[in-house]
């Protein structure tokens, strides 16, 4: 594999160039860490370097037409050397869907075998087959989706990875920032960046599993998938699945069950957001390092429950409580 240092020394294969680095502002320390991670040559480090570089490239002046971006260079290296790892294999299929660069045999093998019971991986493979257009392959891929029994929380997985690989990076504190924790800006980045790369197939699932569909077999497969999603640690997956299951409830008892779940999710989310956004003089018991650890261990929804518990707030809403309606 070609390390970052080798790429810089050789001008990327003797003549081609790579888009320039971002300016040394808030993004500078993250760009520096991206280079350090890429220089290790290890697949997961390359994946994180690519994600960090991509976020910086969005805020930078674009390079000349035809110049490869570091995010592309490093993601390609991660895929070429680490597609036996599920996180990288999913990134490879996501890139295939987005760009048509689908020479990813090792990634496909990983998701079709080691991840055969995992819903996110199978959804990505199904979405890829939709683009290829073979009806038989699409149908088989959907059967694999419906047979999945677990749902990886990509967000908490990403938080864990970004946290581990950015420790020690110091970012400038905002001028009006109330926090006295010098690690707070990094923690915010760690929580924010993984969200951009998670759950890329939700729109397709929404269209596939429309409420009240006339196809009984499709309806049942969608219910199985949504039930797996509703049991995951992902707040986004839970909210999406509960909303869909409520919309397509088959009787009053089922409707009441999912209405209560939606009410609980609204309560947990609202109370947690209020705590996380509280002013310092309110003295909420919010330790962002603990909150990050909870997110890694229990998913975003589990972290919110633990945050409420730390502040003496029950995880279930009071009787009769209803979320405020949107104006």
Protein backbone atom coordinates (compact mmCIF):
# COMPACT_ATOMS: atom_id res chain seq x y z
CA UNK A 1 0.00 0.00 0.00
CA UNK A 2 1.10 3.57 -0.67
CA UNK A 3 1.57 5.53 2.54
CA UNK A 4 0.90 9.24 2.80
CA UNK A 5 4.60 10.00 3.10
CA UNK A 6 5.32 8.04 -0.07
CA UNK A 7 2.52 9.81 -1.93
CA UNK A 8 3.88 13.22 -0.95
CA UNK A 9 7.45 12.29 -1.83
CA UNK A 10 6.59 10.85 -5.22
CA UNK A 11 4.01 13.47 -6.25
CA UNK A 12 1.47 10.64 -6.44
CA UNK A 13 2.76 8.35 -9.12
CA UNK A 14 5.25 10.81 -10.62
CA UNK A 15 3.19 13.63 -11.98
CA UNK A 16 -0.38 13.59 -10.68
CA UNK A 17 -1.29 15.78 -7.74
CA UNK A 18 -3.74 15.71 -4.88
CA UNK A 19 -6.03 18.57 -3.86
CA UNK A 20 -4.35 20.89 -1.37
CA UNK A 21 -4.78 20.77 2.38
CA UNK A 22 -7.24 23.06 4.17
CA UNK A 23 -6.10 26.31 5.74
CA UNK A 24 -4.65 26.07 9.24
CA UNK A 25 -7.71 27.27 11.15
CA UNK A 26 -10.17 25.24 13.19
CA UNK A 27 -9.73 22.46 10.63
CA UNK A 28 -5.94 22.46 10.78
CA UNK A 29 -5.53 20.10 13.77
CA UNK A 30 -8.02 17.64 12.27
CA UNK A 31 -6.21 17.74 8.95
CA UNK A 32 -2.93 17.08 10.76
CA UNK A 33 -4.43 14.08 12.53
CA UNK A 34 -5.85 12.80 9.23
CA UNK A 35 -2.34 12.81 7.75
CA UNK A 36 -0.94 11.02 10.79
CA UNK A 37 -3.64 8.35 10.62
CA UNK A 38 -3.18 7.82 6.88
CA UNK A 39 0.58 7.48 7.31
CA UNK A 40 0.05 4.37 9.44
CA UNK A 41 -1.28 2.51 6.41
CA UNK A 42 -3.81 0.68 8.57
CA UNK A 43 -7.30 0.29 7.04
CA UNK A 44 -9.46 1.73 9.84
CA UNK A 45 -7.05 4.61 10.30
CA UNK A 46 -7.24 5.28 6.55
CA UNK A 47 -11.04 5.21 6.73
CA UNK A 48 -11.10 7.81 9.52
CA UNK A 49 -8.48 9.90 7.71
CA UNK A 50 -10.71 9.87 4.64
CA UNK A 51 -13.75 10.99 6.66
CA UNK A 52 -11.79 13.76 8.35
CA UNK A 53 -10.36 14.91 5.04
CA UNK A 54 -13.78 14.92 3.39
CA UNK A 55 -15.20 17.20 6.07
CA UNK A 56 -12.27 19.58 5.60
CA UNK A 57 -12.52 19.52 1.80
CA UNK A 58 -16.12 20.72 2.01
CA UNK A 59 -14.88 23.92 3.65
CA UNK A 60 -11.85 24.39 1.37
CA UNK A 61 -11.37 25.87 -2.05
CA UNK A 62 -11.63 23.05 -4.58
CA UNK A 63 -8.54 21.88 -6.36
CA UNK A 64 -8.03 21.88 -10.09
CA UNK A 65 -10.33 19.79 -12.25
CA UNK A 66 -9.18 16.20 -12.34
CA UNK A 67 -7.17 16.33 -9.14
CA UNK A 68 -7.99 13.48 -6.75
CA UNK A 69 -8.97 14.49 -3.24
CA UNK A 70 -7.19 13.02 -0.24
CA UNK A 71 -10.52 11.67 1.00
CA UNK A 72 -10.83 9.60 -2.18
CA UNK A 73 -7.20 8.47 -2.12
CA UNK A 74 -7.38 7.30 1.48
CA UNK A 75 -10.81 5.68 1.14
CA UNK A 76 -9.58 3.72 -1.88
CA UNK A 77 -6.58 2.51 0.12
CA UNK A 78 -8.82 1.52 3.05
CA UNK A 79 -11.11 -0.46 0.75
CA UNK A 80 -8.25 -2.10 -1.11
CA UNK A 81 -6.54 -3.31 2.07
CA UNK A 82 -9.32 -3.66 4.66
CA UNK A 83 -12.52 -4.87 3.04
CA UNK A 84 -12.52 -7.92 5.29
CA UNK A 85 -13.66 -5.53 8.04
CA UNK A 86 -17.44 -4.89 8.02
CA UNK A 87 -17.22 -1.13 8.57
CA UNK A 88 -14.93 -0.72 5.58
CA UNK A 89 -16.94 -3.17 3.49
CA UNK A 90 -20.08 -1.09 4.13
CA UNK A 91 -18.17 2.06 3.14
CA UNK A 92 -17.13 0.35 -0.10
CA UNK A 93 -20.72 -0.55 -1.02
CA UNK A 94 -21.91 2.95 -0.08
CA UNK A 95 -19.29 4.41 -2.43
CA UNK A 96 -20.37 1.97 -5.13
CA UNK A 97 -23.97 3.18 -4.82
CA UNK A 98 -22.98 6.84 -4.82
CA UNK A 99 -20.33 6.82 -7.56
CA UNK A 100 -20.59 3.58 -9.54
CA UNK A 101 -17.08 2.50 -8.50
CA UNK A 102 -17.99 -1.10 -7.79
CA UNK A 103 -14.82 -3.15 -8.19
CA UNK A 104 -15.21 -4.29 -4.59
CA UNK A 105 -15.33 -8.10 -4.66
CA UNK A 106 -13.76 -8.50 -1.20
CA UNK A 107 -16.24 -6.09 0.40
CA UNK A 108 -19.20 -7.90 -1.19
CA UNK A 109 -17.88 -11.22 0.07
CA UNK A 110 -17.57 -9.86 3.61
CA UNK A 111 -21.13 -8.54 3.71
CA UNK A 112 -22.64 -11.61 2.05
CA UNK A 113 -20.98 -14.05 4.43
CA UNK A 114 -19.78 -12.65 7.76
CA UNK A 115 -22.57 -10.03 7.83
CA UNK A 116 -25.35 -12.19 6.40
CA UNK A 117 -27.52 -11.69 9.52
CA UNK A 118 -26.98 -7.91 9.77
CA UNK A 119 -29.65 -5.59 8.39
CA UNK A 120 -27.60 -2.50 7.44
CA UNK A 121 -25.19 -4.57 5.37
CA UNK A 122 -27.98 -6.41 3.60
CA UNK A 123 -29.85 -3.17 2.94
CA UNK A 124 -26.75 -1.76 1.25
CA UNK A 125 -26.40 -4.88 -0.91
CA UNK A 126 -30.09 -4.66 -1.83
CA UNK A 127 -29.74 -1.00 -2.75
CA UNK A 128 -26.73 -1.83 -4.92
CA UNK A 129 -28.67 -4.56 -6.73
CA UNK A 130 -31.48 -2.09 -7.41
CA UNK A 131 -29.03 0.06 -9.35
CA UNK A 132 -27.82 -2.96 -11.30
CA UNK A 133 -31.39 -3.65 -12.34
CA UNK A 134 -31.59 -7.46 -12.31
CA UNK A 135 -35.01 -8.30 -10.85
CA UNK A 136 -33.96 -11.73 -9.62
CA UNK A 137 -30.92 -10.39 -7.80
CA UNK A 138 -32.99 -7.58 -6.27
CA UNK A 139 -35.57 -10.07 -4.98
CA UNK A 140 -32.90 -12.33 -3.50
CA UNK A 141 -31.19 -9.37 -1.85
CA UNK A 142 -34.48 -8.31 -0.27
CA UNK A 143 -35.01 -11.82 1.10
CA UNK A 144 -31.65 -11.47 2.85
CA UNK A 145 -32.75 -8.12 4.26
CA UNK A 146 -35.91 -9.68 5.63
CA UNK A 147 -33.92 -12.50 7.21
CA UNK A 148 -31.57 -10.23 9.14
CA UNK A 149 -31.72 -10.60 12.92
CA UNK A 150 -29.53 -7.71 14.10
CA UNK A 151 -29.07 -4.07 13.23
CA UNK A 152 -25.67 -2.47 13.72
CA UNK A 153 -25.74 1.03 15.18
CA UNK A 154 -23.45 2.71 12.67
CA UNK A 155 -23.58 5.98 14.56
CA UNK A 156 -22.28 4.67 17.89
CA UNK A 157 -19.76 2.53 15.99
CA UNK A 158 -18.51 5.67 14.26
CA UNK A 159 -18.40 7.66 17.49
CA UNK A 160 -16.22 4.98 19.07
CA UNK A 161 -13.82 5.01 16.13
CA UNK A 162 -13.59 8.79 15.78
CA UNK A 163 -13.06 9.18 19.53
CA UNK A 164 -10.26 6.63 19.67
CA UNK A 165 -8.46 8.11 16.67
CA UNK A 166 -8.74 11.79 17.52
CA UNK A 167 -7.74 11.68 21.20
CA UNK A 168 -5.19 14.32 22.02
CA UNK A 169 -6.30 16.66 19.22
CA UNK A 170 -6.89 20.14 20.60
CA UNK A 171 -9.31 22.37 18.72
CA UNK A 172 -9.84 26.09 19.40
CA UNK A 173 -12.55 26.92 21.90
CA UNK A 174 -15.38 29.14 20.63
CA UNK A 175 -15.08 32.76 21.74
CA UNK A 176 -18.46 32.63 23.46
CA UNK A 177 -18.20 29.02 24.57
CA UNK A 178 -19.23 28.39 28.18
CA UNK A 179 -17.34 25.10 28.50
CA UNK A 180 -14.17 24.89 30.56
CA UNK A 181 -13.32 21.46 29.17
CA UNK A 182 -10.58 21.92 26.54
CA UNK A 183 -11.66 18.63 24.96
CA UNK A 184 -15.23 19.84 24.35
CA UNK A 185 -14.72 20.98 20.71
CA UNK A 186 -13.19 17.60 19.83
CA UNK A 187 -16.07 15.77 21.49
CA UNK A 188 -18.52 17.78 19.42
CA UNK A 189 -16.71 16.77 16.24
CA UNK A 190 -16.64 13.13 17.38
CA UNK A 191 -20.41 13.19 17.85
CA UNK A 192 -21.18 15.14 14.68
CA UNK A 193 -19.09 13.54 11.93
CA UNK A 194 -20.35 9.92 12.15
CA UNK A 195 -23.92 11.09 11.57
CA UNK A 196 -23.02 12.10 8.01
CA UNK A 197 -22.09 8.54 7.05
CA UNK A 198 -24.80 6.46 8.78
CA UNK A 199 -28.13 5.04 7.63
CA UNK A 200 -27.85 5.97 3.96
CA UNK A 201 -30.66 3.63 2.86
CA UNK A 202 -33.58 4.94 4.95
CA UNK A 203 -35.26 6.72 2.06
CA UNK A 204 -35.21 3.53 0.01
CA UNK A 205 -36.67 1.50 2.89
CA UNK A 206 -39.38 4.12 3.34
CA UNK A 207 -40.36 3.81 -0.32
CA UNK A 208 -40.17 0.02 -0.26
CA UNK A 209 -42.23 -0.35 2.90
CA UNK A 210 -45.07 2.06 2.31
CA UNK A 211 -47.87 1.75 4.86
CA UNK A 212 -50.89 -0.24 3.78
CA UNK A 213 -49.24 -2.02 0.89
CA UNK A 214 -51.29 -4.63 -0.93
CA UNK A 215 -48.44 -7.17 -1.16
CA UNK A 216 -48.82 -9.40 1.91
CA UNK A 217 -45.38 -11.00 1.59
CA UNK A 218 -43.68 -7.63 1.23
CA UNK A 219 -45.68 -6.26 4.15
CA UNK A 220 -44.53 -9.12 6.38
CA UNK A 221 -40.88 -8.78 5.36
CA UNK A 222 -41.03 -5.06 6.07
CA UNK A 223 -42.50 -5.73 9.52
CA UNK A 224 -39.65 -8.13 10.32
CA UNK A 225 -37.07 -5.56 9.25
CA UNK A 226 -38.75 -2.74 11.16
CA UNK A 227 -38.98 -4.86 14.31
CA UNK A 228 -35.22 -5.48 14.17
CA UNK A 229 -34.64 -1.76 13.70
CA UNK A 230 -36.92 -0.90 16.62
CA UNK A 231 -34.82 -3.13 18.90
CA UNK A 232 -31.51 -1.50 17.98
CA UNK A 233 -29.53 1.06 19.95
CA UNK A 234 -29.89 3.61 17.16
CA UNK A 235 -32.19 6.52 17.94
CA UNK A 236 -32.68 7.20 14.23
CA UNK A 237 -33.53 3.59 13.43
CA UNK A 238 -35.89 3.36 16.40
CA UNK A 239 -37.73 6.55 15.49
CA UNK A 240 -38.03 5.56 11.84
CA UNK A 241 -39.23 2.02 12.59
CA UNK A 242 -41.72 3.03 15.27
CA UNK A 243 -43.22 5.67 13.00
CA UNK A 244 -43.62 3.16 10.17
CA UNK A 245 -45.06 0.44 12.40
CA UNK A 246 -47.55 2.87 13.90
CA UNK A 247 -48.65 4.06 10.47
CA UNK A 248 -49.28 0.48 9.38
CA UNK A 249 -50.74 -0.90 12.63
CA UNK A 250 -53.13 -3.78 11.94
CA UNK A 251 -55.40 -3.39 14.95
CA UNK A 252 -56.07 -1.20 17.99
CA UNK A 253 -53.73 -3.13 20.29
CA UNK A 254 -50.83 -2.81 17.86
CA UNK A 255 -51.58 0.87 17.34
CA UNK A 256 -51.61 1.49 21.11
CA UNK A 257 -48.28 -0.32 21.50
CA UNK A 258 -46.48 1.77 18.92
CA UNK A 259 -48.14 4.99 20.05
CA UNK A 260 -46.72 4.38 23.52
CA UNK A 261 -43.28 3.65 22.08
CA UNK A 262 -43.40 6.88 20.09
CA UNK A 263 -44.44 8.80 23.21
CA UNK A 264 -41.49 7.33 25.15
CA UNK A 265 -39.04 8.19 22.38
CA UNK A 266 -40.31 11.77 22.28
CA UNK A 267 -39.95 12.07 26.06
CA UNK A 268 -36.43 10.63 26.17
CA UNK A 269 -35.24 12.73 23.25
CA UNK A 270 -36.78 15.96 24.52
CA UNK A 271 -35.45 15.59 28.06
CA UNK A 272 -31.97 14.59 26.87
CA UNK A 273 -31.74 17.46 24.40
CA UNK A 274 -32.77 19.89 27.14
CA UNK A 275 -30.03 18.58 29.43
CA UNK A 276 -27.36 18.63 26.75
CA UNK A 277 -28.27 22.18 25.76
CA UNK A 278 -28.73 23.58 29.26
CA UNK A 279 -26.83 26.68 30.33
CA UNK A 280 -23.92 26.10 32.73
CA UNK A 281 -25.68 27.96 35.55
CA UNK A 282 -28.45 25.35 35.39
CA UNK A 283 -25.81 22.85 36.62
CA UNK A 284 -27.09 19.82 34.70
CA UNK A 285 -25.22 16.63 35.41
CA UNK A 286 -23.76 16.29 31.94
CA UNK A 287 -20.31 14.78 31.69
CA UNK A 288 -19.64 14.68 27.96
CA UNK A 289 -16.90 12.08 28.37
CA UNK A 290 -19.35 9.82 30.18
CA UNK A 291 -22.02 10.54 27.58
CA UNK A 292 -19.64 9.52 24.82
CA UNK A 293 -18.82 6.30 26.66
CA UNK A 294 -22.52 5.54 27.08
CA UNK A 295 -23.09 6.17 23.37
CA UNK A 296 -20.34 3.70 22.47
CA UNK A 297 -21.57 1.07 24.93
CA UNK A 298 -25.36 1.40 24.56
CA UNK A 299 -26.05 3.39 21.41
CA UNK A 300 -27.46 6.90 21.22
CA UNK A 301 -30.81 5.91 22.70
CA UNK A 302 -29.15 4.06 25.56
CA UNK A 303 -26.90 7.06 26.24
CA UNK A 304 -29.93 9.31 26.48
CA UNK A 305 -31.56 6.96 28.98
CA UNK A 306 -28.42 6.96 31.13
CA UNK A 307 -28.22 10.74 30.94
CA UNK A 308 -31.78 11.00 32.23
CA UNK A 309 -31.03 8.54 35.02
CA UNK A 310 -27.96 10.56 36.08
CA UNK A 311 -30.24 13.58 36.48
CA UNK A 312 -33.02 11.77 38.32
CA UNK A 313 -35.42 11.84 35.36
CA UNK A 314 -37.45 8.68 34.63
CA UNK A 315 -37.02 7.10 31.21
CA UNK A 316 -40.79 6.82 30.78
CA UNK A 317 -43.04 9.90 30.59
CA UNK A 318 -45.63 10.72 33.24
CA UNK A 319 -49.15 9.44 32.66
CA UNK A 320 -50.99 11.73 30.33
CA UNK A 321 -47.87 13.46 29.00
CA UNK A 322 -47.90 14.09 25.27
CA UNK A 323 -45.22 15.68 23.08
CA UNK A 324 -45.89 19.19 21.88
CA UNK A 325 -47.35 19.31 18.42
CA UNK A 326 -45.39 21.01 15.69
CA UNK A 327 -46.73 24.49 14.90
